[in-house]
Amino acid sequence: CAFFNCKSLKSVTIPDSVKTIGICAFDYCSSLES
């Protein structure tokens, strides 16, 4: 749930160093396009 309901979030850049993304991490990020 790190970014849960960040409803204006359009862009996220995540590097390959990230090995774990938890459940619901981007749940309800309704502006996220890609």
All heavy atoms as atom14 arrays in JSON, in Angstrom:
{
  "sequence": "CAFFNCKSLKSVTIPDSVKTIGICAFDYCSSLES",
  "atom14_mask": [
    [1, 1, 1, 1, 1, 1, 0, 0, 0, 0, 0, 0, 0, 0],
    [1, 1, 1, 1, 1, 0, 0, 0, 0, 0, 0, 0, 0, 0],
    [1, 1, 1, 1, 1, 1, 1, 1, 1, 1, 1, 0, 0, 0],
    [1, 1, 1, 1, 1, 1, 1, 1, 1, 1, 1, 0, 0, 0],
    [1, 1, 1, 1, 1, 1, 1, 1, 0, 0, 0, 0, 0, 0],
    [1, 1, 1, 1, 1, 1, 0, 0, 0, 0, 0, 0, 0, 0],
    [1, 1, 1, 1, 1, 1, 1, 1, 1, 0, 0, 0, 0, 0],
    [1, 1, 1, 1, 1, 1, 0, 0, 0, 0, 0, 0, 0, 0],
    [1, 1, 1, 1, 1, 1, 1, 1, 0, 0, 0, 0, 0, 0],
    [1, 1, 1, 1, 1, 1, 1, 1, 1, 0, 0, 0, 0, 0],
    [1, 1, 1, 1, 1, 1, 0, 0, 0, 0, 0, 0, 0, 0],
    [1, 1, 1, 1, 1, 1, 1, 0, 0, 0, 0, 0, 0, 0],
    [1, 1, 1, 1, 1, 1, 1, 0, 0, 0, 0, 0, 0, 0],
    [1, 1, 1, 1, 1, 1, 1, 1, 0, 0, 0, 0, 0, 0],
    [1, 1, 1, 1, 1, 1, 1, 0, 0, 0, 0, 0, 0, 0],
    [1, 1, 1, 1, 1, 1, 1, 1, 0, 0, 0, 0, 0, 0],
    [1, 1, 1, 1, 1, 1, 0, 0, 0, 0, 0, 0, 0, 0],
    [1, 1, 1, 1, 1, 1, 1, 0, 0, 0, 0, 0, 0, 0],
    [1, 1, 1, 1, 1, 1, 1, 1, 1, 0, 0, 0, 0, 0],
    [1, 1, 1, 1, 1, 1, 1, 0, 0, 0, 0, 0, 0, 0],
    [1, 1, 1, 1, 1, 1, 1, 1, 0, 0, 0, 0, 0, 0],
    [1, 1, 1, 1, 0, 0, 0, 0, 0, 0, 0, 0, 0, 0],
    [1, 1, 1, 1, 1, 1, 1, 1, 0, 0, 0, 0, 0, 0],
    [1, 1, 1, 1, 1, 1, 0, 0, 0, 0, 0, 0, 0, 0],
    [1, 1, 1, 1, 1, 0, 0, 0, 0, 0, 0, 0, 0, 0],
    [1, 1, 1, 1, 1, 1, 1, 1, 1, 1, 1, 0, 0, 0],
    [1, 1, 1, 1, 1, 1, 1, 1, 0, 0, 0, 0, 0, 0],
    [1, 1, 1, 1, 1, 1, 1, 1, 1, 1, 1, 1, 0, 0],
    [1, 1, 1, 1, 1, 1, 0, 0, 0, 0, 0, 0, 0, 0],
    [1, 1, 1, 1, 1, 1, 0, 0, 0, 0, 0, 0, 0, 0],
    [1, 1, 1, 1, 1, 1, 0, 0, 0, 0, 0, 0, 0, 0],
    [1, 1, 1, 1, 1, 1, 1, 1, 0, 0, 0, 0, 0, 0],
    [1, 1, 1, 1, 1, 1, 1, 1, 1, 0, 0, 0, 0, 0],
    [1, 1, 1, 1, 1, 1, 0, 0, 0, 0, 0, 0, 0, 0]
  ],
  "atom14_positions": [
    [[0.81, -1.24, 0.0], [0.0, 0.0, 0.0], [0.84, 1.27, 0.0], [0.35, 2.34, 0.4], [-0.96, 0.03, 1.2], [-2.09, -1.36, 1.28], [0.0, 0.0, 0.0], [0.0, 0.0, 0.0], [0.0, 0.0, 0.0], [0.0, 0.0, 0.0], [0.0, 0.0, 0.0], [0.0, 0.0, 0.0], [0.0, 0.0, 0.0], [0.0, 0.0, 0.0]],
    [[2.08, 1.19, -0.45], [2.99, 2.34, -0.36], [2.44, 3.6, -1.01], [2.62, 4.7, -0.51], [4.35, 1.98, -0.96], [0.0, 0.0, 0.0], [0.0, 0.0, 0.0], [0.0, 0.0, 0.0], [0.0, 0.0, 0.0], [0.0, 0.0, 0.0], [0.0, 0.0, 0.0], [0.0, 0.0, 0.0], [0.0, 0.0, 0.0], [0.0, 0.0, 0.0]],
    [[1.76, 3.44, -2.16], [1.21, 4.58, -2.89], [-0.32, 4.45, -3.05], [-0.89, 4.96, -4.0], [1.88, 4.7, -4.26], [3.35, 5.0, -4.17], [4.29, 3.98, -4.19], [3.81, 6.3, -4.04], [5.64, 4.24, -4.1], [5.16, 6.58, -3.94], [6.09, 5.54, -3.97], [0.0, 0.0, 0.0], [0.0, 0.0, 0.0], [0.0, 0.0, 0.0]],
    [[-0.94, 3.81, -2.11], [-2.39, 3.57, -2.16], [-3.16, 4.88, -2.31], [-2.96, 5.83, -1.58], [-2.83, 2.85, -0.87], [-4.29, 2.5, -0.82], [-4.73, 1.28, -1.26], [-5.23, 3.4, -0.33], [-6.08, 0.94, -1.21], [-6.56, 3.08, -0.27], [-7.0, 1.85, -0.71], [0.0, 0.0, 0.0], [0.0, 0.0, 0.0], [0.0, 0.0, 0.0]],
    [[-4.05, 4.92, -3.31], [-4.95, 6.06, -3.53], [-4.21, 7.38, -3.78], [-4.7, 8.44, -3.4], [-5.93, 6.2, -2.37], [-7.19, 6.96, -2.78], [-7.75, 6.71, -3.84], [-7.62, 7.89, -1.95], [0.0, 0.0, 0.0], [0.0, 0.0, 0.0], [0.0, 0.0, 0.0], [0.0, 0.0, 0.0], [0.0, 0.0, 0.0], [0.0, 0.0, 0.0]],
    [[-3.05, 7.29, -4.42], [-2.4, 8.52, -4.91], [-3.04, 8.83, -6.26], [-2.5, 8.52, -7.33], [-0.89, 8.3, -5.03], [-0.04, 8.14, -3.45], [0.0, 0.0, 0.0], [0.0, 0.0, 0.0], [0.0, 0.0, 0.0], [0.0, 0.0, 0.0], [0.0, 0.0, 0.0], [0.0, 0.0, 0.0], [0.0, 0.0, 0.0], [0.0, 0.0, 0.0]],
    [[-4.19, 9.43, -6.21], [-5.05, 9.49, -7.39], [-4.58, 10.48, -8.46], [-5.1, 10.46, -9.57], [-6.49, 9.82, -6.98], [-6.69, 11.17, -6.31], [-8.15, 11.34, -5.9], [-8.41, 12.7, -5.28], [-9.83, 12.84, -4.87], [0.0, 0.0, 0.0], [0.0, 0.0, 0.0], [0.0, 0.0, 0.0], [0.0, 0.0, 0.0], [0.0, 0.0, 0.0]],
    [[-3.59, 11.32, -8.16], [-3.03, 12.23, -9.17], [-1.72, 11.71, -9.76], [-1.16, 12.34, -10.66], [-2.78, 13.62, -8.56], [-3.99, 14.21, -8.13], [0.0, 0.0, 0.0], [0.0, 0.0, 0.0], [0.0, 0.0, 0.0], [0.0, 0.0, 0.0], [0.0, 0.0, 0.0], [0.0, 0.0, 0.0], [0.0, 0.0, 0.0], [0.0, 0.0, 0.0]],
    [[-1.25, 10.57, -9.27], [0.04, 10.04, -9.68], [-0.02, 9.54, -11.13], [-0.73, 8.59, -11.43], [0.46, 8.91, -8.75], [1.87, 8.36, -8.9], [2.91, 9.43, -8.59], [2.07, 7.15, -7.99], [0.0, 0.0, 0.0], [0.0, 0.0, 0.0], [0.0, 0.0, 0.0], [0.0, 0.0, 0.0], [0.0, 0.0, 0.0], [0.0, 0.0, 0.0]],
    [[0.73, 10.2, -12.01], [0.74, 9.85, -13.43], [1.99, 9.08, -13.84], [1.96, 8.31, -14.79], [0.63, 11.11, -14.28], [-0.7, 11.84, -14.17], [-0.74, 13.04, -15.09], [-2.09, 13.76, -15.0], [-2.13, 14.94, -15.9], [0.0, 0.0, 0.0], [0.0, 0.0, 0.0], [0.0, 0.0, 0.0], [0.0, 0.0, 0.0], [0.0, 0.0, 0.0]],
    [[3.08, 9.33, -13.13], [4.36, 8.78, -13.56], [5.15, 8.25, -12.37], [5.3, 8.95, -11.36], [5.16, 9.86, -14.29], [6.46, 9.43, -14.6], [0.0, 0.0, 0.0], [0.0, 0.0, 0.0], [0.0, 0.0, 0.0], [0.0, 0.0, 0.0], [0.0, 0.0, 0.0], [0.0, 0.0, 0.0], [0.0, 0.0, 0.0], [0.0, 0.0, 0.0]],
    [[5.63, 7.02, -12.51], [6.49, 6.42, -11.5], [7.67, 5.78, -12.22], [7.49, 5.0, -13.15], [5.77, 5.33, -10.69], [6.69, 4.76, -9.62], [4.51, 5.88, -10.05], [0.0, 0.0, 0.0], [0.0, 0.0, 0.0], [0.0, 0.0, 0.0], [0.0, 0.0, 0.0], [0.0, 0.0, 0.0], [0.0, 0.0, 0.0], [0.0, 0.0, 0.0]],
    [[8.87, 6.12, -11.8], [10.07, 5.49, -12.34], [10.68, 4.62, -11.25], [11.05, 5.1, -10.19], [11.1, 6.54, -12.8], [10.5, 7.37, -13.8], [12.34, 5.87, -13.38], [0.0, 0.0, 0.0], [0.0, 0.0, 0.0], [0.0, 0.0, 0.0], [0.0, 0.0, 0.0], [0.0, 0.0, 0.0], [0.0, 0.0, 0.0], [0.0, 0.0, 0.0]],
    [[10.75, 3.31, -11.53], [11.26, 2.36, -10.55], [12.44, 1.6, -11.15], [12.31, 0.99, -12.22], [10.15, 1.37, -10.12], [8.99, 2.14, -9.48], [10.69, 0.33, -9.14], [7.87, 1.27, -8.98], [0.0, 0.0, 0.0], [0.0, 0.0, 0.0], [0.0, 0.0, 0.0], [0.0, 0.0, 0.0], [0.0, 0.0, 0.0], [0.0, 0.0, 0.0]],
    [[13.58, 1.6, -10.49], [14.78, 0.95, -11.04], [14.75, -0.56, -10.84], [13.97, -1.1, -10.04], [15.91, 1.58, -10.22], [15.28, 1.86, -8.89], [13.86, 2.26, -9.2], [0.0, 0.0, 0.0], [0.0, 0.0, 0.0], [0.0, 0.0, 0.0], [0.0, 0.0, 0.0], [0.0, 0.0, 0.0], [0.0, 0.0, 0.0], [0.0, 0.0, 0.0]],
    [[15.64, -1.25, -11.54], [15.74, -2.7, -11.42], [16.3, -3.15, -10.08], [16.28, -4.35, -9.77], [16.6, -3.27, -12.56], [15.88, -3.24, -13.9], [14.66, -3.05, -13.92], [16.57, -3.4, -14.93], [0.0, 0.0, 0.0], [0.0, 0.0, 0.0], [0.0, 0.0, 0.0], [0.0, 0.0, 0.0], [0.0, 0.0, 0.0], [0.0, 0.0, 0.0]],
    [[16.78, -2.21, -9.28], [17.24, -2.56, -7.93], [16.09, -3.02, -7.05], [16.29, -3.76, -6.07], [17.94, -1.36, -7.28], [17.04, -0.27, -7.15], [0.0, 0.0, 0.0], [0.0, 0.0, 0.0], [0.0, 0.0, 0.0], [0.0, 0.0, 0.0], [0.0, 0.0, 0.0], [0.0, 0.0, 0.0], [0.0, 0.0, 0.0], [0.0, 0.0, 0.0]],
    [[14.87, -2.6, -7.38], [13.69, -2.98, -6.58], [13.34, -4.43, -6.88], [13.05, -4.81, -8.01], [12.5, -2.06, -6.88], [11.24, -2.55, -6.17], [12.8, -0.63, -6.44], [0.0, 0.0, 0.0], [0.0, 0.0, 0.0], [0.0, 0.0, 0.0], [0.0, 0.0, 0.0], [0.0, 0.0, 0.0], [0.0, 0.0, 0.0], [0.0, 0.0, 0.0]],
    [[13.36, -5.25, -5.82], [13.1, -6.69, -5.98], [11.75, -7.1, -5.38], [11.27, -8.21, -5.66], [14.21, -7.5, -5.3], [15.61, -7.21, -5.82], [15.71, -7.38, -7.34], [17.11, -7.08, -7.85], [17.16, -7.07, -9.33], [0.0, 0.0, 0.0], [0.0, 0.0, 0.0], [0.0, 0.0, 0.0], [0.0, 0.0, 0.0], [0.0, 0.0, 0.0]],
    [[11.14, -6.22, -4.59], [9.86, -6.53, -3.97], [8.94, -5.33, -4.06], [9.31, -4.23, -3.65], [10.03, -6.93, -2.5], [10.91, -8.04, -2.39], [8.68, -7.3, -1.87], [0.0, 0.0, 0.0], [0.0, 0.0, 0.0], [0.0, 0.0, 0.0], [0.0, 0.0, 0.0], [0.0, 0.0, 0.0], [0.0, 0.0, 0.0], [0.0, 0.0, 0.0]],
    [[7.73, -5.55, -4.59], [6.66, -4.56, -4.56], [5.48, -5.2, -3.86], [4.97, -6.24, -4.29], [6.27, -4.09, -5.98], [7.46, -3.42, -6.67], [5.09, -3.13, -5.91], [7.18, -3.01, -8.12], [0.0, 0.0, 0.0], [0.0, 0.0, 0.0], [0.0, 0.0, 0.0], [0.0, 0.0, 0.0], [0.0, 0.0, 0.0], [0.0, 0.0, 0.0]],
    [[5.05, -4.6, -2.76], [4.02, -5.22, -1.93], [2.63, -5.17, -2.52], [2.37, -4.49, -3.52], [0.0, 0.0, 0.0], [0.0, 0.0, 0.0], [0.0, 0.0, 0.0], [0.0, 0.0, 0.0], [0.0, 0.0, 0.0], [0.0, 0.0, 0.0], [0.0, 0.0, 0.0], [0.0, 0.0, 0.0], [0.0, 0.0, 0.0], [0.0, 0.0, 0.0]],
    [[1.72, -5.9, -1.89], [0.34, -5.92, -2.33], [-0.27, -4.52, -2.22], [0.11, -3.73, -1.35], [-0.5, -6.94, -1.55], [-0.57, -6.58, -0.06], [0.04, -8.35, -1.72], [-1.56, -7.42, 0.73], [0.0, 0.0, 0.0], [0.0, 0.0, 0.0], [0.0, 0.0, 0.0], [0.0, 0.0, 0.0], [0.0, 0.0, 0.0], [0.0, 0.0, 0.0]],
    [[-1.18, -4.24, -3.11], [-1.92, -2.96, -3.1], [-1.01, -1.74, -3.23], [-1.42, -0.62, -2.91], [-2.77, -2.81, -1.83], [-3.95, -4.13, -1.55], [0.0, 0.0, 0.0], [0.0, 0.0, 0.0], [0.0, 0.0, 0.0], [0.0, 0.0, 0.0], [0.0, 0.0, 0.0], [0.0, 0.0, 0.0], [0.0, 0.0, 0.0], [0.0, 0.0, 0.0]],
    [[0.2, -1.93, -3.72], [1.18, -0.83, -3.72], [0.7, 0.39, -4.49], [0.96, 1.53, -4.09], [2.52, -1.31, -4.28], [0.0, 0.0, 0.0], [0.0, 0.0, 0.0], [0.0, 0.0, 0.0], [0.0, 0.0, 0.0], [0.0, 0.0, 0.0], [0.0, 0.0, 0.0], [0.0, 0.0, 0.0], [0.0, 0.0, 0.0], [0.0, 0.0, 0.0]],
    [[-0.01, 0.16, -5.61], [-0.5, 1.27, -6.43], [-2.03, 1.2, -6.59], [-2.59, 1.74, -7.54], [0.2, 1.27, -7.8], [1.69, 1.49, -7.69], [2.56, 0.41, -7.64], [2.2, 2.77, -7.6], [3.93, 0.62, -7.51], [3.57, 2.99, -7.47], [4.43, 1.9, -7.43], [0.0, 0.0, 0.0], [0.0, 0.0, 0.0], [0.0, 0.0, 0.0]],
    [[-2.66, 0.59, -5.65], [-4.12, 0.44, -5.62], [-4.79, 1.82, -5.7], [-4.42, 2.74, -4.98], [-4.49, -0.24, -4.3], [-5.85, -0.89, -4.31], [-6.68, -0.51, -5.14], [-6.08, -1.77, -3.46], [0.0, 0.0, 0.0], [0.0, 0.0, 0.0], [0.0, 0.0, 0.0], [0.0, 0.0, 0.0], [0.0, 0.0, 0.0], [0.0, 0.0, 0.0]],
    [[-5.74, 1.95, -6.61], [-6.51, 3.18, -6.8], [-5.66, 4.38, -7.24], [-6.03, 5.53, -6.97], [-7.3, 3.54, -5.54], [-8.51, 2.65, -5.33], [-8.48, 1.64, -4.36], [-9.66, 2.81, -6.08], [-9.58, 0.82, -4.16], [-10.76, 1.99, -5.9], [-10.72, 1.0, -4.94], [-11.81, 0.18, -4.74], [0.0, 0.0, 0.0], [0.0, 0.0, 0.0]],
    [[-4.54, 4.14, -7.88], [-3.79, 5.24, -8.52], [-4.44, 5.49, -9.88], [-3.96, 5.04, -10.92], [-2.31, 4.88, -8.66], [-1.43, 4.84, -7.09], [0.0, 0.0, 0.0], [0.0, 0.0, 0.0], [0.0, 0.0, 0.0], [0.0, 0.0, 0.0], [0.0, 0.0, 0.0], [0.0, 0.0, 0.0], [0.0, 0.0, 0.0], [0.0, 0.0, 0.0]],
    [[-5.52, 6.21, -9.86], [-6.43, 6.28, -11.01], [-5.91, 7.15, -12.16], [-6.51, 7.14, -13.24], [-7.8, 6.78, -10.56], [-7.71, 8.02, -9.91], [0.0, 0.0, 0.0], [0.0, 0.0, 0.0], [0.0, 0.0, 0.0], [0.0, 0.0, 0.0], [0.0, 0.0, 0.0], [0.0, 0.0, 0.0], [0.0, 0.0, 0.0], [0.0, 0.0, 0.0]],
    [[-4.82, 7.88, -11.96], [-4.23, 8.68, -13.05], [-3.0, 8.03, -13.67], [-2.48, 8.53, -14.67], [-3.86, 10.08, -12.54], [-4.99, 10.8, -12.13], [0.0, 0.0, 0.0], [0.0, 0.0, 0.0], [0.0, 0.0, 0.0], [0.0, 0.0, 0.0], [0.0, 0.0, 0.0], [0.0, 0.0, 0.0], [0.0, 0.0, 0.0], [0.0, 0.0, 0.0]],
    [[-2.55, 6.93, -13.1], [-1.34, 6.26, -13.59], [-1.59, 5.69, -14.99], [-2.51, 4.9, -15.19], [-0.95, 5.15, -12.62], [0.41, 4.49, -12.8], [1.52, 5.51, -12.61], [0.57, 3.34, -11.81], [0.0, 0.0, 0.0], [0.0, 0.0, 0.0], [0.0, 0.0, 0.0], [0.0, 0.0, 0.0], [0.0, 0.0, 0.0], [0.0, 0.0, 0.0]],
    [[-0.77, 6.11, -15.96], [-1.03, 5.78, -17.36], [-0.16, 4.64, -17.89], [-0.58, 3.91, -18.79], [-0.84, 7.01, -18.23], [-1.84, 8.12, -17.93], [-1.62, 9.37, -18.75], [-0.58, 9.44, -19.43], [-2.47, 10.26, -18.71], [0.0, 0.0, 0.0], [0.0, 0.0, 0.0], [0.0, 0.0, 0.0], [0.0, 0.0, 0.0], [0.0, 0.0, 0.0]],
    [[1.04, 4.5, -17.38], [1.92, 3.42, -17.84], [2.82, 3.0, -16.69], [3.06, 3.76, -15.75], [2.76, 3.85, -19.05], [3.65, 4.88, -18.7], [0.0, 0.0, 0.0], [0.0, 0.0, 0.0], [0.0, 0.0, 0.0], [0.0, 0.0, 0.0], [0.0, 0.0, 0.0], [0.0, 0.0, 0.0], [0.0, 0.0, 0.0], [0.0, 0.0, 0.0]]
  ]
}
